[in-house]
N, C-alpha and C. Protein backbone atom coordinates (compact mmCIF):
# COMPACT_ATOMS: atom_id res chain seq x y z
N MET A 1 0.84 -1.19 0.00
CA MET A 1 0.00 0.00 0.00
C MET A 1 0.88 1.25 0.00
N THR A 2 0.58 2.18 -0.89
CA THR A 2 1.38 3.40 -0.97
C THR A 2 1.01 4.37 0.16
N LYS A 3 1.85 5.35 0.37
CA LYS A 3 1.56 6.34 1.41
C LYS A 3 0.28 7.11 1.08
N LYS A 4 0.06 7.41 -0.19
CA LYS A 4 -1.17 8.11 -0.57
C LYS A 4 -2.40 7.27 -0.28
N GLN A 5 -2.28 5.96 -0.49
CA GLN A 5 -3.41 5.07 -0.21
C GLN A 5 -3.68 4.98 1.28
N ILE A 6 -2.60 4.90 2.08
CA ILE A 6 -2.76 4.88 3.53
C ILE A 6 -3.39 6.19 4.00
N ALA A 7 -2.91 7.31 3.45
CA ALA A 7 -3.45 8.62 3.83
C ALA A 7 -4.93 8.72 3.50
N ALA A 8 -5.32 8.23 2.32
CA ALA A 8 -6.73 8.29 1.93
C ALA A 8 -7.60 7.46 2.87
N LYS A 9 -7.12 6.29 3.25
CA LYS A 9 -7.86 5.45 4.19
C LYS A 9 -7.95 6.11 5.57
N ALA A 10 -6.86 6.75 5.99
CA ALA A 10 -6.85 7.43 7.29
C ALA A 10 -7.83 8.60 7.30
N VAL A 11 -7.85 9.35 6.22
CA VAL A 11 -8.79 10.48 6.11
C VAL A 11 -10.22 9.98 6.29
N GLU A 12 -10.59 8.93 5.59
CA GLU A 12 -11.96 8.42 5.66
C GLU A 12 -12.27 7.80 7.02
N ALA A 13 -11.32 7.08 7.59
CA ALA A 13 -11.54 6.46 8.90
C ALA A 13 -11.77 7.51 9.98
N LEU A 14 -10.96 8.56 9.95
CA LEU A 14 -11.09 9.61 10.97
C LEU A 14 -12.36 10.44 10.76
N LYS A 15 -12.79 10.58 9.52
CA LYS A 15 -14.07 11.25 9.25
C LYS A 15 -15.22 10.50 9.92
N THR A 16 -15.16 9.18 9.84
CA THR A 16 -16.20 8.36 10.45
C THR A 16 -16.16 8.47 11.97
N GLU A 17 -14.95 8.44 12.50
CA GLU A 17 -14.79 8.43 13.96
C GLU A 17 -15.04 9.80 14.58
N TYR A 18 -14.63 10.86 13.87
CA TYR A 18 -14.77 12.22 14.39
C TYR A 18 -15.37 13.12 13.31
N PRO A 19 -16.69 13.05 13.12
CA PRO A 19 -17.31 13.81 12.04
C PRO A 19 -17.11 15.32 12.18
N ASP A 20 -17.09 15.80 13.41
CA ASP A 20 -16.93 17.24 13.63
C ASP A 20 -15.45 17.57 13.85
N ALA A 21 -14.83 18.09 12.82
CA ALA A 21 -13.40 18.43 12.91
C ALA A 21 -13.28 19.92 13.20
N ILE A 22 -13.13 20.24 14.48
CA ILE A 22 -13.03 21.66 14.84
C ILE A 22 -11.85 21.88 15.77
N CYS A 23 -11.34 23.08 15.73
CA CYS A 23 -10.27 23.48 16.63
C CYS A 23 -10.85 23.59 18.04
N SER A 24 -10.15 23.08 19.03
CA SER A 24 -10.67 23.11 20.39
C SER A 24 -10.43 24.45 21.09
N LEU A 25 -9.67 25.33 20.46
CA LEU A 25 -9.49 26.67 21.02
C LEU A 25 -10.72 27.53 20.70
N VAL A 26 -11.13 28.34 21.67
CA VAL A 26 -12.32 29.19 21.50
C VAL A 26 -11.87 30.58 21.05
N TYR A 27 -12.45 31.07 19.95
CA TYR A 27 -12.08 32.38 19.43
C TYR A 27 -13.22 32.92 18.59
N THR A 28 -13.20 34.22 18.34
CA THR A 28 -14.24 34.83 17.51
C THR A 28 -13.68 35.58 16.30
N ASP A 29 -12.36 35.76 16.23
CA ASP A 29 -11.78 36.46 15.07
C ASP A 29 -10.34 36.00 14.87
N PRO A 30 -9.72 36.36 13.74
CA PRO A 30 -8.36 35.89 13.45
C PRO A 30 -7.34 36.25 14.52
N LEU A 31 -7.43 37.46 15.06
CA LEU A 31 -6.47 37.88 16.09
C LEU A 31 -6.58 36.98 17.32
N GLN A 32 -7.79 36.68 17.73
CA GLN A 32 -7.98 35.84 18.91
C GLN A 32 -7.42 34.44 18.68
N LEU A 33 -7.62 33.87 17.49
CA LEU A 33 -7.05 32.55 17.22
C LEU A 33 -5.53 32.61 17.23
N LEU A 34 -4.96 33.65 16.65
CA LEU A 34 -3.51 33.81 16.62
C LEU A 34 -2.95 33.84 18.04
N ILE A 35 -3.57 34.61 18.90
CA ILE A 35 -3.09 34.75 20.27
C ILE A 35 -3.34 33.47 21.07
N ALA A 36 -4.51 32.88 20.92
CA ALA A 36 -4.82 31.65 21.65
C ALA A 36 -3.86 30.53 21.28
N THR A 37 -3.49 30.46 20.01
CA THR A 37 -2.57 29.41 19.58
C THR A 37 -1.18 29.66 20.14
N ARG A 38 -0.78 30.92 20.22
CA ARG A 38 0.51 31.22 20.86
C ARG A 38 0.49 30.81 22.33
N LEU A 39 -0.60 31.06 23.00
CA LEU A 39 -0.72 30.69 24.41
C LEU A 39 -0.72 29.18 24.61
N ALA A 40 -1.16 28.43 23.59
CA ALA A 40 -1.30 26.98 23.72
C ALA A 40 0.04 26.23 23.67
N ALA A 41 1.11 26.93 23.34
CA ALA A 41 2.43 26.28 23.32
C ALA A 41 2.77 25.79 24.72
N GLN A 42 3.03 24.48 24.83
CA GLN A 42 3.35 23.86 26.12
C GLN A 42 2.29 24.14 27.17
N CYS A 43 1.04 24.16 26.72
CA CYS A 43 -0.10 24.38 27.60
C CYS A 43 -1.32 23.72 26.94
N THR A 44 -2.26 23.25 27.73
CA THR A 44 -3.43 22.60 27.16
C THR A 44 -4.41 23.62 26.59
N ASP A 45 -5.17 23.20 25.58
CA ASP A 45 -6.19 24.07 25.01
C ASP A 45 -7.24 24.41 26.08
N ALA A 46 -7.55 23.45 26.94
CA ALA A 46 -8.54 23.69 27.99
C ALA A 46 -8.11 24.83 28.90
N ARG A 47 -6.84 24.85 29.27
CA ARG A 47 -6.32 25.93 30.12
C ARG A 47 -6.37 27.26 29.38
N VAL A 48 -5.99 27.26 28.11
CA VAL A 48 -6.04 28.51 27.32
C VAL A 48 -7.47 29.05 27.27
N ASN A 49 -8.43 28.15 27.08
CA ASN A 49 -9.82 28.58 27.00
C ASN A 49 -10.34 29.14 28.32
N MET A 50 -9.68 28.81 29.42
CA MET A 50 -10.04 29.39 30.71
C MET A 50 -9.48 30.80 30.87
N VAL A 51 -8.37 31.04 30.19
CA VAL A 51 -7.66 32.31 30.34
C VAL A 51 -8.14 33.39 29.37
N THR A 52 -8.47 32.99 28.16
CA THR A 52 -8.72 33.98 27.10
C THR A 52 -9.96 34.84 27.27
N PRO A 53 -11.06 34.38 27.89
CA PRO A 53 -12.21 35.28 28.00
C PRO A 53 -11.87 36.61 28.67
N ALA A 54 -11.19 36.57 29.81
CA ALA A 54 -10.83 37.82 30.50
C ALA A 54 -9.80 38.61 29.69
N LEU A 55 -8.86 37.90 29.06
CA LEU A 55 -7.84 38.56 28.24
C LEU A 55 -8.48 39.32 27.09
N PHE A 56 -9.41 38.66 26.39
CA PHE A 56 -10.03 39.29 25.22
C PHE A 56 -11.10 40.30 25.60
N GLU A 57 -11.58 40.25 26.83
CA GLU A 57 -12.48 41.30 27.31
C GLU A 57 -11.70 42.58 27.58
N ARG A 58 -10.49 42.41 28.09
CA ARG A 58 -9.64 43.58 28.39
C ARG A 58 -9.00 44.15 27.13
N PHE A 59 -8.51 43.30 26.26
CA PHE A 59 -7.83 43.73 25.04
C PHE A 59 -8.65 43.24 23.84
N LYS A 60 -9.34 44.13 23.18
CA LYS A 60 -10.28 43.73 22.13
C LYS A 60 -9.73 43.85 20.72
N THR A 61 -8.71 44.67 20.52
CA THR A 61 -8.23 44.94 19.17
C THR A 61 -6.70 44.85 19.10
N VAL A 62 -6.20 44.87 17.89
CA VAL A 62 -4.75 44.91 17.69
C VAL A 62 -4.15 46.12 18.40
N ASP A 63 -4.80 47.26 18.28
CA ASP A 63 -4.29 48.47 18.94
C ASP A 63 -4.26 48.32 20.47
N ASP A 64 -5.27 47.66 21.01
CA ASP A 64 -5.29 47.45 22.46
C ASP A 64 -4.07 46.66 22.92
N PHE A 65 -3.78 45.59 22.21
CA PHE A 65 -2.61 44.77 22.57
C PHE A 65 -1.30 45.52 22.30
N ALA A 66 -1.25 46.24 21.18
CA ALA A 66 -0.02 46.95 20.81
C ALA A 66 0.30 48.07 21.79
N SER A 67 -0.72 48.63 22.41
CA SER A 67 -0.52 49.73 23.36
C SER A 67 -0.27 49.25 24.77
N ALA A 68 -0.45 47.96 25.00
CA ALA A 68 -0.29 47.40 26.35
C ALA A 68 1.18 47.13 26.64
N SER A 69 1.47 46.97 27.91
CA SER A 69 2.81 46.51 28.30
C SER A 69 2.78 44.99 28.41
N ALA A 70 3.93 44.38 28.22
CA ALA A 70 4.02 42.92 28.37
C ALA A 70 3.63 42.51 29.78
N GLU A 71 3.96 43.34 30.74
CA GLU A 71 3.65 43.03 32.14
C GLU A 71 2.14 43.00 32.38
N GLU A 72 1.43 43.90 31.72
CA GLU A 72 -0.02 43.93 31.90
C GLU A 72 -0.66 42.69 31.27
N VAL A 73 -0.23 42.34 30.08
CA VAL A 73 -0.76 41.15 29.42
C VAL A 73 -0.42 39.90 30.24
N ALA A 74 0.77 39.88 30.81
CA ALA A 74 1.22 38.72 31.59
C ALA A 74 0.30 38.42 32.76
N GLU A 75 -0.29 39.45 33.34
CA GLU A 75 -1.18 39.25 34.49
C GLU A 75 -2.38 38.38 34.14
N TYR A 76 -2.77 38.39 32.88
CA TYR A 76 -3.94 37.63 32.44
C TYR A 76 -3.60 36.19 32.03
N ILE A 77 -2.34 35.90 31.80
CA ILE A 77 -1.99 34.60 31.20
C ILE A 77 -1.01 33.79 32.05
N LYS A 78 -0.86 34.17 33.31
CA LYS A 78 0.14 33.52 34.15
C LYS A 78 -0.02 32.01 34.24
N SER A 79 -1.24 31.53 34.24
CA SER A 79 -1.46 30.08 34.40
C SER A 79 -1.16 29.28 33.15
N CYS A 80 -0.81 29.95 32.05
CA CYS A 80 -0.52 29.24 30.80
C CYS A 80 0.92 28.73 30.71
N GLY A 81 1.78 29.18 31.61
CA GLY A 81 3.18 28.77 31.51
C GLY A 81 3.94 29.63 30.51
N LEU A 82 5.22 29.82 30.78
CA LEU A 82 6.07 30.66 29.91
C LEU A 82 5.42 32.02 29.66
N PHE A 83 4.70 32.53 30.66
CA PHE A 83 3.86 33.70 30.43
C PHE A 83 4.66 34.96 30.12
N LYS A 84 5.88 35.06 30.62
CA LYS A 84 6.67 36.27 30.33
C LYS A 84 7.05 36.33 28.85
N THR A 85 7.49 35.21 28.32
CA THR A 85 7.84 35.15 26.90
C THR A 85 6.61 35.35 26.03
N LYS A 86 5.52 34.67 26.39
CA LYS A 86 4.30 34.75 25.59
C LYS A 86 3.72 36.17 25.60
N SER A 87 3.73 36.82 26.76
CA SER A 87 3.17 38.18 26.83
C SER A 87 3.99 39.15 25.99
N LYS A 88 5.30 39.00 26.02
CA LYS A 88 6.17 39.85 25.20
C LYS A 88 5.90 39.61 23.71
N ASP A 89 5.79 38.33 23.32
CA ASP A 89 5.50 38.01 21.92
C ASP A 89 4.17 38.60 21.47
N ILE A 90 3.16 38.50 22.33
CA ILE A 90 1.83 38.98 21.96
C ILE A 90 1.85 40.50 21.71
N VAL A 91 2.50 41.23 22.58
CA VAL A 91 2.57 42.69 22.41
C VAL A 91 3.37 43.05 21.16
N GLU A 92 4.50 42.39 20.96
CA GLU A 92 5.33 42.68 19.78
C GLU A 92 4.62 42.26 18.50
N MET A 93 3.90 41.14 18.56
CA MET A 93 3.12 40.67 17.42
C MET A 93 2.07 41.71 17.04
N ALA A 94 1.39 42.26 18.04
CA ALA A 94 0.35 43.26 17.78
C ALA A 94 0.96 44.53 17.18
N LYS A 95 2.12 44.92 17.66
CA LYS A 95 2.79 46.10 17.11
C LYS A 95 3.14 45.89 15.63
N MET A 96 3.62 44.70 15.30
CA MET A 96 3.95 44.43 13.90
C MET A 96 2.69 44.38 13.04
N LEU A 97 1.62 43.79 13.56
CA LEU A 97 0.37 43.77 12.81
C LEU A 97 -0.11 45.19 12.56
N ARG A 98 -0.01 46.05 13.56
CA ARG A 98 -0.44 47.44 13.44
C ARG A 98 0.44 48.21 12.45
N ASP A 99 1.75 48.04 12.57
CA ASP A 99 2.68 48.88 11.81
C ASP A 99 2.95 48.37 10.40
N ASP A 100 2.97 47.04 10.24
CA ASP A 100 3.36 46.46 8.95
C ASP A 100 2.22 45.85 8.15
N PHE A 101 1.09 45.55 8.81
CA PHE A 101 0.00 44.86 8.11
C PHE A 101 -1.35 45.57 8.27
N ASP A 102 -1.30 46.86 8.55
CA ASP A 102 -2.53 47.66 8.67
C ASP A 102 -3.51 47.09 9.68
N GLY A 103 -2.99 46.42 10.70
CA GLY A 103 -3.84 45.88 11.75
C GLY A 103 -4.59 44.62 11.37
N VAL A 104 -4.25 44.03 10.22
CA VAL A 104 -4.97 42.86 9.72
C VAL A 104 -4.08 41.63 9.81
N VAL A 105 -4.63 40.53 10.30
CA VAL A 105 -3.88 39.27 10.36
C VAL A 105 -3.65 38.77 8.93
N PRO A 106 -2.40 38.50 8.54
CA PRO A 106 -2.11 38.04 7.17
C PRO A 106 -2.78 36.70 6.86
N ASP A 107 -3.00 36.46 5.57
CA ASP A 107 -3.68 35.23 5.15
C ASP A 107 -2.73 34.23 4.51
N ASN A 108 -1.42 34.38 4.77
CA ASN A 108 -0.45 33.47 4.17
C ASN A 108 0.66 33.15 5.16
N ILE A 109 1.25 31.98 5.00
CA ILE A 109 2.24 31.48 5.95
C ILE A 109 3.49 32.35 5.97
N ASP A 110 3.95 32.78 4.81
CA ASP A 110 5.19 33.56 4.75
C ASP A 110 5.11 34.83 5.60
N ASP A 111 3.97 35.51 5.56
CA ASP A 111 3.82 36.72 6.38
C ASP A 111 3.55 36.38 7.84
N LEU A 112 2.77 35.37 8.08
CA LEU A 112 2.44 35.01 9.46
C LEU A 112 3.68 34.65 10.27
N ILE A 113 4.61 33.93 9.66
CA ILE A 113 5.79 33.50 10.42
C ILE A 113 6.79 34.64 10.65
N LYS A 114 6.53 35.80 10.08
CA LYS A 114 7.34 36.98 10.40
C LYS A 114 6.96 37.54 11.77
N LEU A 115 5.78 37.20 12.24
CA LEU A 115 5.29 37.73 13.50
C LEU A 115 6.01 37.09 14.68
N PRO A 116 6.36 37.86 15.71
CA PRO A 116 7.06 37.30 16.87
C PRO A 116 6.28 36.15 17.51
N GLY A 117 6.98 35.05 17.75
CA GLY A 117 6.36 33.91 18.42
C GLY A 117 5.52 33.01 17.56
N ILE A 118 5.39 33.33 16.27
CA ILE A 118 4.53 32.54 15.39
C ILE A 118 5.36 31.65 14.47
N GLY A 119 5.16 30.35 14.60
CA GLY A 119 5.85 29.37 13.76
C GLY A 119 4.91 28.80 12.72
N ARG A 120 5.37 27.81 12.01
CA ARG A 120 4.59 27.25 10.91
C ARG A 120 3.33 26.54 11.40
N LYS A 121 3.39 25.95 12.58
CA LYS A 121 2.20 25.25 13.10
C LYS A 121 1.05 26.23 13.28
N THR A 122 1.31 27.35 13.96
CA THR A 122 0.28 28.36 14.16
C THR A 122 -0.15 28.99 12.83
N ALA A 123 0.81 29.27 11.97
CA ALA A 123 0.50 29.87 10.68
C ALA A 123 -0.42 28.97 9.85
N ASN A 124 -0.14 27.68 9.88
CA ASN A 124 -1.01 26.74 9.15
C ASN A 124 -2.41 26.71 9.74
N LEU A 125 -2.49 26.73 11.07
CA LEU A 125 -3.80 26.70 11.71
C LEU A 125 -4.63 27.92 11.31
N VAL A 126 -4.01 29.09 11.33
CA VAL A 126 -4.72 30.31 10.96
C VAL A 126 -5.13 30.28 9.49
N CYS A 127 -4.22 29.87 8.63
CA CYS A 127 -4.54 29.81 7.20
C CYS A 127 -5.68 28.83 6.91
N GLY A 128 -5.67 27.72 7.62
CA GLY A 128 -6.71 26.72 7.40
C GLY A 128 -8.05 27.10 8.00
N ASP A 129 -8.04 27.46 9.28
CA ASP A 129 -9.30 27.69 9.98
C ASP A 129 -9.92 29.05 9.67
N ILE A 130 -9.11 30.05 9.47
CA ILE A 130 -9.64 31.39 9.21
C ILE A 130 -9.85 31.64 7.72
N PHE A 131 -8.87 31.26 6.92
CA PHE A 131 -8.91 31.64 5.51
C PHE A 131 -9.26 30.48 4.57
N GLY A 132 -9.49 29.30 5.14
CA GLY A 132 -9.95 28.16 4.33
C GLY A 132 -8.94 27.65 3.33
N LYS A 133 -7.66 27.86 3.60
CA LYS A 133 -6.62 27.40 2.69
C LYS A 133 -6.14 26.00 3.11
N PRO A 134 -5.63 25.21 2.16
CA PRO A 134 -5.07 23.91 2.53
C PRO A 134 -3.95 24.09 3.56
N ALA A 135 -4.03 23.36 4.65
CA ALA A 135 -3.08 23.55 5.74
C ALA A 135 -2.74 22.20 6.37
N VAL A 136 -1.52 22.12 6.90
CA VAL A 136 -1.09 20.93 7.63
C VAL A 136 -0.51 21.41 8.95
N VAL A 137 -1.26 21.18 10.02
CA VAL A 137 -0.85 21.63 11.34
C VAL A 137 -0.08 20.50 12.02
N VAL A 138 1.23 20.66 12.08
CA VAL A 138 2.09 19.58 12.59
C VAL A 138 2.34 19.79 14.08
N ASP A 139 1.49 19.18 14.90
CA ASP A 139 1.71 19.20 16.34
C ASP A 139 2.18 17.82 16.80
N THR A 140 2.26 17.60 18.10
CA THR A 140 2.79 16.32 18.59
C THR A 140 1.90 15.16 18.19
N HIS A 141 0.58 15.36 18.18
CA HIS A 141 -0.33 14.28 17.78
C HIS A 141 -0.13 13.92 16.31
N CYS A 142 -0.02 14.95 15.48
CA CYS A 142 0.19 14.73 14.04
C CYS A 142 1.49 13.98 13.80
N ILE A 143 2.56 14.42 14.43
CA ILE A 143 3.86 13.77 14.25
C ILE A 143 3.78 12.30 14.62
N ARG A 144 3.23 12.03 15.81
CA ARG A 144 3.19 10.66 16.34
C ARG A 144 2.32 9.74 15.49
N ILE A 145 1.10 10.17 15.19
CA ILE A 145 0.16 9.29 14.52
C ILE A 145 0.52 9.07 13.06
N THR A 146 0.92 10.12 12.36
CA THR A 146 1.27 9.94 10.94
C THR A 146 2.53 9.09 10.80
N ARG A 147 3.41 9.16 11.79
CA ARG A 147 4.59 8.30 11.77
C ARG A 147 4.19 6.84 12.00
N ARG A 148 3.31 6.61 12.96
CA ARG A 148 2.83 5.25 13.23
C ARG A 148 2.08 4.67 12.04
N LEU A 149 1.34 5.53 11.35
CA LEU A 149 0.61 5.08 10.17
C LEU A 149 1.55 4.67 9.04
N GLY A 150 2.78 5.19 9.06
CA GLY A 150 3.74 4.88 8.00
C GLY A 150 3.78 5.94 6.92
N LEU A 151 3.29 7.14 7.22
CA LEU A 151 3.26 8.19 6.22
C LEU A 151 4.61 8.90 6.09
N HIS A 152 5.49 8.73 7.07
CA HIS A 152 6.83 9.30 7.00
C HIS A 152 7.67 8.68 8.12
N ASP A 153 8.97 8.94 8.06
CA ASP A 153 9.85 8.52 9.16
C ASP A 153 10.70 9.71 9.60
N LEU A 154 10.08 10.88 9.61
CA LEU A 154 10.78 12.14 9.86
C LEU A 154 10.57 12.62 11.29
N THR A 155 11.40 13.57 11.70
CA THR A 155 11.24 14.20 13.01
C THR A 155 11.12 15.72 12.90
N ASP A 156 11.62 16.31 11.84
CA ASP A 156 11.58 17.75 11.64
C ASP A 156 10.17 18.19 11.22
N GLN A 157 9.61 19.15 11.97
CA GLN A 157 8.22 19.56 11.72
C GLN A 157 7.98 20.10 10.32
N LYS A 158 8.90 20.92 9.83
CA LYS A 158 8.71 21.49 8.50
C LYS A 158 8.77 20.41 7.42
N LYS A 159 9.69 19.47 7.56
CA LYS A 159 9.78 18.38 6.59
C LYS A 159 8.54 17.51 6.63
N ILE A 160 8.01 17.28 7.84
CA ILE A 160 6.78 16.50 7.96
C ILE A 160 5.62 17.23 7.29
N GLU A 161 5.54 18.53 7.51
CA GLU A 161 4.48 19.31 6.87
C GLU A 161 4.49 19.13 5.36
N PHE A 162 5.65 19.27 4.75
CA PHE A 162 5.72 19.16 3.29
C PHE A 162 5.53 17.73 2.80
N ALA A 163 5.98 16.76 3.59
CA ALA A 163 5.75 15.36 3.22
C ALA A 163 4.25 15.05 3.22
N LEU A 164 3.53 15.56 4.22
CA LEU A 164 2.09 15.32 4.30
C LEU A 164 1.33 16.10 3.24
N ARG A 165 1.81 17.29 2.91
CA ARG A 165 1.16 18.06 1.83
C ARG A 165 1.19 17.27 0.51
N ASP A 166 2.24 16.49 0.32
CA ASP A 166 2.38 15.73 -0.92
C ASP A 166 1.42 14.56 -1.02
N ILE A 167 0.94 14.06 0.13
CA ILE A 167 0.13 12.83 0.09
C ILE A 167 -1.31 13.01 0.57
N LEU A 168 -1.61 14.13 1.22
CA LEU A 168 -2.98 14.37 1.68
C LEU A 168 -3.77 15.16 0.64
N PRO A 169 -5.05 14.85 0.45
CA PRO A 169 -5.89 15.69 -0.41
C PRO A 169 -5.94 17.10 0.17
N PRO A 170 -5.62 18.14 -0.59
CA PRO A 170 -5.56 19.50 -0.05
C PRO A 170 -6.83 19.94 0.66
N ASP A 171 -8.00 19.52 0.14
CA ASP A 171 -9.25 19.95 0.75
C ASP A 171 -9.59 19.19 2.03
N GLU A 172 -8.77 18.19 2.37
CA GLU A 172 -9.00 17.40 3.57
C GLU A 172 -7.95 17.63 4.65
N SER A 173 -6.84 18.26 4.29
CA SER A 173 -5.68 18.24 5.18
C SER A 173 -5.92 18.96 6.51
N ASN A 174 -6.63 20.09 6.47
CA ASN A 174 -6.84 20.84 7.70
C ASN A 174 -7.72 20.07 8.68
N ASP A 175 -8.85 19.55 8.20
CA ASP A 175 -9.74 18.77 9.06
C ASP A 175 -9.05 17.49 9.53
N PHE A 176 -8.24 16.89 8.68
CA PHE A 176 -7.50 15.69 9.04
C PHE A 176 -6.63 15.95 10.26
N CYS A 177 -5.96 17.10 10.28
CA CYS A 177 -5.08 17.43 11.41
C CYS A 177 -5.88 17.67 12.69
N HIS A 178 -7.05 18.31 12.58
CA HIS A 178 -7.90 18.48 13.76
C HIS A 178 -8.33 17.12 14.30
N ARG A 179 -8.66 16.21 13.40
CA ARG A 179 -9.11 14.87 13.84
C ARG A 179 -7.96 14.08 14.46
N LEU A 180 -6.75 14.31 13.99
CA LEU A 180 -5.59 13.63 14.61
C LEU A 180 -5.45 14.04 16.08
N VAL A 181 -5.72 15.29 16.39
CA VAL A 181 -5.65 15.74 17.78
C VAL A 181 -6.66 14.98 18.63
N LEU A 182 -7.88 14.88 18.14
CA LEU A 182 -8.92 14.17 18.88
C LEU A 182 -8.57 12.70 19.05
N HIS A 183 -8.04 12.11 17.99
CA HIS A 183 -7.66 10.69 18.02
C HIS A 183 -6.46 10.46 18.93
N GLY A 184 -5.54 11.42 18.91
CA GLY A 184 -4.35 11.30 19.75
C GLY A 184 -4.66 11.41 21.23
N ARG A 185 -5.70 12.16 21.55
CA ARG A 185 -6.11 12.29 22.96
C ARG A 185 -6.89 11.07 23.43
N ALA A 186 -7.70 10.51 22.53
CA ALA A 186 -8.63 9.46 22.94
C ALA A 186 -8.12 8.05 22.73
N VAL A 187 -7.37 7.81 21.66
CA VAL A 187 -7.02 6.43 21.29
C VAL A 187 -5.52 6.23 21.08
N CYS A 188 -4.95 6.97 20.15
CA CYS A 188 -3.54 6.76 19.79
C CYS A 188 -2.66 7.67 20.64
N THR A 189 -2.65 7.41 21.93
CA THR A 189 -1.93 8.27 22.86
C THR A 189 -0.43 7.98 22.81
N ALA A 190 0.33 8.91 23.35
CA ALA A 190 1.79 8.76 23.32
C ALA A 190 2.25 7.57 24.15
N ARG A 191 1.62 7.36 25.30
CA ARG A 191 2.08 6.33 26.22
C ARG A 191 1.50 4.96 25.91
N ASN A 192 0.26 4.94 25.42
CA ASN A 192 -0.40 3.65 25.25
C ASN A 192 -1.38 3.70 24.09
N ALA A 193 -0.93 3.32 22.94
CA ALA A 193 -1.80 3.29 21.77
C ALA A 193 -2.81 2.16 21.91
N LYS A 194 -4.10 2.50 21.87
CA LYS A 194 -5.17 1.49 22.03
C LYS A 194 -5.54 0.95 20.65
N CYS A 195 -4.64 0.15 20.09
CA CYS A 195 -4.79 -0.30 18.71
C CYS A 195 -6.06 -1.12 18.50
N ASP A 196 -6.49 -1.87 19.51
CA ASP A 196 -7.69 -2.69 19.36
C ASP A 196 -8.96 -1.85 19.27
N GLU A 197 -8.88 -0.58 19.65
CA GLU A 197 -10.03 0.32 19.57
C GLU A 197 -9.98 1.22 18.33
N CYS A 198 -8.93 1.11 17.54
CA CYS A 198 -8.67 2.08 16.48
C CYS A 198 -9.30 1.68 15.15
N TYR A 199 -9.94 2.65 14.52
CA TYR A 199 -10.54 2.44 13.20
C TYR A 199 -9.48 2.19 12.13
N MET A 200 -8.24 2.52 12.44
CA MET A 200 -7.19 2.43 11.41
C MET A 200 -6.27 1.22 11.58
N ASN A 201 -6.63 0.31 12.50
CA ASN A 201 -5.69 -0.79 12.78
C ASN A 201 -5.55 -1.78 11.63
N GLY A 202 -6.44 -1.71 10.63
CA GLY A 202 -6.32 -2.61 9.49
C GLY A 202 -5.26 -2.20 8.49
N PHE A 203 -4.82 -0.94 8.55
CA PHE A 203 -3.80 -0.49 7.60
C PHE A 203 -2.66 0.29 8.27
N CYS A 204 -2.75 0.55 9.56
CA CYS A 204 -1.68 1.23 10.27
C CYS A 204 -0.42 0.37 10.25
N GLN A 205 0.73 1.03 10.12
CA GLN A 205 2.01 0.31 10.00
C GLN A 205 2.73 0.18 11.35
N LYS A 206 2.09 0.59 12.44
CA LYS A 206 2.75 0.66 13.73
C LYS A 206 3.41 -0.66 14.14
N GLU A 207 2.72 -1.76 13.92
CA GLU A 207 3.23 -3.05 14.39
C GLU A 207 4.08 -3.78 13.36
N LEU A 208 4.24 -3.16 12.19
CA LEU A 208 4.99 -3.84 11.12
C LEU A 208 6.49 -3.61 11.25
């Protein structure tokens, strides 16, 4: 079975198992998703969703964040971990959005990754969820499960992203990555893959 065939089977299996492919971060606009995803680094989405309501009530716009001090933003995100770095990135990111992008979140990866604290994972998420573009969000669940499936034998996130872009249907890739997160939490966990419960055990390469 080729990698494209395995990928096609995985796409369909995960569609059946998780029909609703949605991002677990709560947001109402592109800026909020950008910031929430930055906060989610080394932090659970559930924790981020507890923090962001008060944060976004206090800071509603790019200008609000750009005019704030990192120390003020930090007060709202302390429970997310690495809050000093994240608060500084958020303020600097807002300043760049204001000064270089007319206050608008860019719709492409090349511009998004120019923003402080924003890597390809976040850029792909924004492009996919906000702008409806083909995206491959390479997080720990994606790396682990696609490797077990036999879709690659890589460790570098950027290389994995491009390897998956080559074999996933573009119109399915973003939802596929959301479903991998759900599957990685429920079944194909890092510590104990529950292969007997998995819809993909008939073609997964994990035991081969």
